[in-house]
Protein backbone atom coordinates (compact mmCIF):
# COMPACT_ATOMS: atom_id res chain seq x y z
CA MET A 1 188.57 42.78 27.57
CA THR A 2 189.45 46.40 29.13
CA GLN A 3 186.58 49.32 28.51
CA GLU A 4 189.22 50.85 26.97
CA LEU A 5 189.47 48.47 23.85
CA ILE A 6 185.83 48.03 24.28
CA ASP A 7 185.06 51.54 23.99
CA THR A 8 187.51 51.77 20.84
CA LEU A 9 185.53 49.05 18.97
CA PRO A 10 183.15 51.39 16.85
CA ALA A 11 185.90 52.14 14.44
CA LEU A 12 187.34 48.65 13.58
CA ARG A 13 187.40 48.55 9.61
CA LEU A 14 185.90 52.20 9.37
CA GLY A 15 184.25 52.96 5.83
CA ARG A 16 184.85 49.48 4.79
CA PRO A 17 182.37 45.89 5.19
CA LEU A 18 182.01 44.32 8.80
CA VAL A 19 179.87 41.61 8.88
CA VAL A 20 180.13 39.81 11.95
CA ALA A 21 177.36 36.41 11.09
CA ILE A 22 176.56 34.50 14.41
CA ASP A 23 175.51 30.88 14.19
CA GLY A 24 174.64 29.09 16.67
CA PRO A 25 171.47 26.47 18.22
CA SER A 26 168.22 27.74 20.66
CA GLY A 27 169.24 28.95 23.91
CA SER A 28 172.77 29.27 22.84
CA GLY A 29 172.00 33.27 23.55
CA LYS A 30 172.85 33.86 19.94
CA SER A 31 170.17 36.80 20.04
CA SER A 32 170.91 39.10 23.11
CA VAL A 33 175.09 38.77 22.55
CA SER A 34 174.76 39.67 19.36
CA LYS A 35 172.67 42.64 19.16
CA GLU A 36 175.40 43.70 22.55
CA VAL A 37 178.05 42.71 19.76
CA ALA A 38 175.71 45.04 17.50
CA ARG A 39 175.93 47.99 19.74
CA ARG A 40 179.11 48.04 21.29
CA LEU A 41 180.91 47.72 17.67
CA ASN A 42 178.30 50.58 16.34
CA LEU A 43 176.72 48.18 13.45
CA ALA A 44 173.28 47.42 12.44
CA TYR A 45 171.90 44.18 13.18
CA LEU A 46 170.02 41.40 11.83
CA ASP A 47 168.03 38.39 13.53
CA THR A 48 167.22 36.34 11.05
CA GLY A 49 164.62 33.48 13.19
CA ALA A 50 162.70 36.55 13.51
CA MET A 51 162.01 37.04 9.96
CA TYR A 52 161.10 32.58 9.86
CA ARG A 53 158.93 33.68 12.69
CA ALA A 54 157.09 36.11 11.08
CA LEU A 55 156.21 34.31 8.36
CA THR A 56 155.36 31.43 10.17
CA TRP A 57 152.89 33.80 12.31
CA PHE A 58 151.59 35.21 8.74
CA CYS A 59 151.08 31.79 7.61
CA LEU A 60 148.84 30.54 10.26
CA ASP A 61 147.68 33.90 10.30
CA ARG A 62 145.67 33.24 6.46
CA ALA A 63 145.66 29.22 7.12
CA ILE A 64 148.07 28.17 5.39
CA ASP A 65 148.60 24.34 5.65
CA LEU A 66 152.31 24.30 6.11
CA THR A 67 152.98 21.20 4.85
CA ASP A 68 151.90 22.53 1.87
CA ALA A 69 155.43 23.60 0.23
CA ALA A 70 154.95 25.67 -2.74
CA ALA A 71 151.55 27.43 -1.12
CA VAL A 72 154.23 28.45 2.20
CA GLU A 73 156.70 29.21 -0.66
CA LEU A 74 153.98 31.58 -2.43
CA ALA A 75 153.91 33.53 1.55
CA ALA A 76 157.31 34.18 1.94
CA GLU A 77 157.58 36.02 -1.70
CA GLU A 78 154.59 38.01 -0.43
CA LEU A 79 154.98 38.29 2.99
CA PRO A 80 154.87 42.24 4.22
CA LEU A 81 157.49 41.85 6.44
CA ASP A 82 159.52 45.17 8.21
CA ILE A 83 162.00 44.56 10.40
CA SER A 84 164.29 46.17 12.61
CA THR A 85 167.89 46.33 11.83
CA THR A 86 169.24 48.21 15.04
CA PRO A 87 170.81 47.04 17.81
CA HIS A 88 168.60 49.80 20.12
CA GLU A 89 165.21 48.93 19.29
CA GLU A 90 163.23 45.98 17.98
CA TYR A 91 160.25 45.34 16.25
CA VAL A 92 158.59 42.82 14.00
CA ARG A 93 155.98 44.27 11.51
CA VAL A 94 153.80 41.99 9.24
CA ASP A 95 151.62 44.21 6.90
CA GLY A 96 151.88 46.75 9.59
CA ALA A 97 150.61 44.93 12.19
CA ASP A 98 153.17 44.85 15.38
CA VAL A 99 153.61 41.06 15.88
CA THR A 100 157.81 41.08 17.65
CA GLU A 101 155.88 39.64 20.82
CA ALA A 102 153.20 37.37 19.18
CA ILE A 103 156.28 35.98 16.96
CA ARG A 104 157.91 34.74 20.10
CA GLU A 105 154.45 32.15 21.09
CA PRO A 106 154.98 28.91 21.94
CA GLU A 107 152.45 27.91 18.81
CA ILE A 108 155.17 30.51 16.82
CA SER A 109 158.25 28.16 18.33
CA SER A 110 155.88 24.87 17.96
CA ALA A 111 155.10 25.71 13.81
CA VAL A 112 158.35 27.36 12.79
CA SER A 113 160.56 24.52 12.33
CA ALA A 114 158.11 23.44 9.26
CA VAL A 115 158.48 26.75 7.30
CA ALA A 116 162.10 27.14 8.07
CA THR A 117 162.17 23.53 6.18
CA THR A 118 160.51 24.29 3.26
CA LEU A 119 163.36 25.14 0.89
CA GLY A 120 161.47 27.76 -0.66
CA ALA A 121 160.66 29.97 1.47
CA ARG A 122 164.35 29.74 3.04
CA THR A 123 165.81 30.44 -0.36
CA GLU A 124 163.23 33.59 -0.94
CA LEU A 125 164.12 34.68 2.81
CA ILE A 126 167.64 34.76 2.38
CA ARG A 127 167.04 36.55 -0.59
CA ARG A 128 165.68 39.52 1.62
CA GLN A 129 168.82 39.03 4.32
CA ARG A 130 171.12 39.60 1.89
CA ALA A 131 169.16 42.28 0.39
CA LEU A 132 169.42 43.54 4.10
CA ILE A 133 173.04 42.79 4.46
CA GLU A 134 173.37 44.75 1.47
CA LYS A 135 171.11 48.01 2.29
CA HIS A 136 173.69 48.11 5.35
CA HIS A 137 176.60 49.19 3.15
CA ARG A 138 177.74 44.86 4.59
CA ARG A 139 178.50 46.72 8.10
CA MET A 140 175.77 44.79 10.04
CA VAL A 141 176.47 41.34 12.61
CA VAL A 142 173.60 39.01 11.40
CA GLU A 143 172.78 35.67 13.49
CA GLY A 144 170.98 32.72 12.77
CA ARG A 145 171.75 29.26 11.91
CA ASP A 146 172.71 29.62 8.12
CA ILE A 147 174.30 32.72 7.94
CA THR A 148 178.23 31.30 7.75
CA THR A 149 177.67 29.03 5.72
CA VAL A 150 174.98 30.23 3.28
CA VAL A 151 173.32 33.34 3.30
CA VAL A 152 176.70 35.31 4.08
CA PRO A 153 179.98 32.90 4.19
CA GLY A 154 182.68 35.65 3.20
CA ALA A 155 181.39 37.62 6.17
CA GLN A 156 184.77 39.08 7.66
CA VAL A 157 183.87 37.57 10.82
CA ARG A 158 181.95 33.97 11.33
CA MET A 159 181.20 32.69 14.57
CA LEU A 160 179.10 29.76 15.74
CA LEU A 161 177.33 30.39 19.35
CA THR A 162 177.40 27.04 21.27
CA ALA A 163 176.00 26.24 25.10
CA SER A 164 175.60 22.82 26.43
CA GLU A 165 171.90 21.14 26.23
CA GLU A 166 171.78 22.01 30.41
CA ALA A 167 172.69 25.74 29.65
CA ARG A 168 170.55 25.94 27.23
CA LEU A 169 167.37 24.64 28.41
CA ARG A 170 168.32 26.42 31.80
CA ARG A 171 168.68 29.82 29.89
CA ARG A 172 165.51 29.37 27.25
CA GLY A 173 163.02 28.60 30.46
CA ILE A 174 164.46 32.31 31.85
CA GLN A 175 163.84 34.08 29.06
CA LEU A 176 160.27 32.63 28.92
CA GLY A 177 159.71 33.56 32.57
CA GLY A 178 159.34 29.97 34.25
CA THR A 179 155.66 29.80 31.60
CA GLN A 180 156.79 26.42 30.25
CA SER A 181 156.89 23.01 31.40
CA ALA A 182 160.26 20.87 30.78
CA GLU A 183 158.54 19.10 28.14
CA GLN A 184 158.03 22.11 26.68
CA LEU A 185 161.03 23.96 26.63
CA ALA A 186 162.54 20.45 25.09
CA ALA A 187 160.45 20.85 22.39
CA GLN A 188 161.64 24.35 21.98
CA VAL A 189 164.88 23.42 21.95
CA ILE A 190 165.89 20.17 21.60
CA GLN A 191 162.53 19.04 19.50
CA ARG A 192 163.67 22.11 17.04
CA ASP A 193 166.79 22.03 16.52
CA ALA A 194 166.82 18.58 15.82
CA ARG A 195 164.25 19.05 12.98
CA ASP A 196 165.73 22.38 11.56
CA SER A 197 169.43 20.44 11.42
CA THR A 198 168.08 18.35 8.37
CA VAL A 199 168.47 21.24 6.00
CA VAL A 200 171.01 23.30 7.62
CA ASN A 201 174.16 22.44 9.84
CA PHE A 202 174.76 24.51 12.99
CA THR A 203 176.41 22.45 15.67
CA GLN A 204 179.20 22.15 14.58
CA ALA A 205 181.79 25.10 12.87
CA ALA A 206 182.37 24.49 9.18
CA ASP A 207 186.15 26.00 8.36
CA GLY A 208 187.11 29.24 9.30
CA VAL A 209 183.87 29.56 11.59
CA VAL A 210 185.79 30.30 15.26
CA THR A 211 183.71 28.41 18.04
CA LEU A 212 182.41 30.41 20.83
CA ASP A 213 180.70 27.45 23.59
CA SER A 214 178.98 29.63 26.33
CA SER A 215 177.96 27.01 28.28
CA GLU A 216 179.97 28.40 32.10
CA LEU A 217 180.62 32.26 31.13
CA ASP A 218 177.53 34.86 32.10
CA PHE A 219 176.06 36.88 29.57
CA GLU A 220 178.84 40.02 30.06
CA GLU A 221 181.51 37.19 29.50
CA THR A 222 179.93 36.19 26.50
CA VAL A 223 179.71 39.16 24.50
CA ALA A 224 183.56 40.16 25.82
CA ALA A 225 184.79 36.55 24.65
CA ALA A 226 182.80 37.40 20.94
CA LEU A 227 184.20 40.89 21.43
CA ARG A 228 187.56 39.22 21.42
CA ILE A 229 187.30 37.42 18.45
CA VAL A 230 186.27 39.82 16.57
CA THR A 231 189.23 41.86 17.73
CA LYS A 232 191.00 39.00 16.40
CA VAL A 233 190.30 37.97 13.55
CA ILE A 234 189.97 41.88 12.37
CA ASN A 235 193.59 42.49 13.01
CA HIS A 236 194.93 39.09 11.55
CA GLU A 237 193.61 39.85 8.33
């Protein structure tokens, strides 16, 4: 993608809705790629996975039994969450406490699926996600696992960002600075995907969703490919 095209992208659908929905498995690069796509398109940005992690932190902090679906659902309704919606700043706050880094700890990673598969909690967080999209006049890049099919199936652009298991494990290991063993990485990536896939399909693209396989692409190449998909879809509306 040329620099000239990149520089003109922020004007896409100016004054009209432009929701870019990006789903994908763990370690596929969703967050970093989605954030950069939002920056270059001058759109708001929402990491829905961080919301599930924040709820998990909230439950563990209050010693809520994650197997108690009713208790987790109530916690979701009561969650005092403040999350950034810009690609230029990242923060997650729960009841005023900054948990941006805490929600990425292995303890949260190993427990988040229990929360994410609680249907009542999902319903509440999806409600909040839709409200944030509306708050930003439906001009937002939203990434997660069920964005293209459940949260905003009517998004102007819907994309599945995927990669091989080998590539995803390697990237997650680099992201965590080599602090995790092979077994821990597998638990965070492969096993978590298996658990989460019991309530949402994020491994195969639904009808109308464009697949982007980043297995052989570096970060810049993946961002450029994602931007090409956005412009192609918009130009063919």
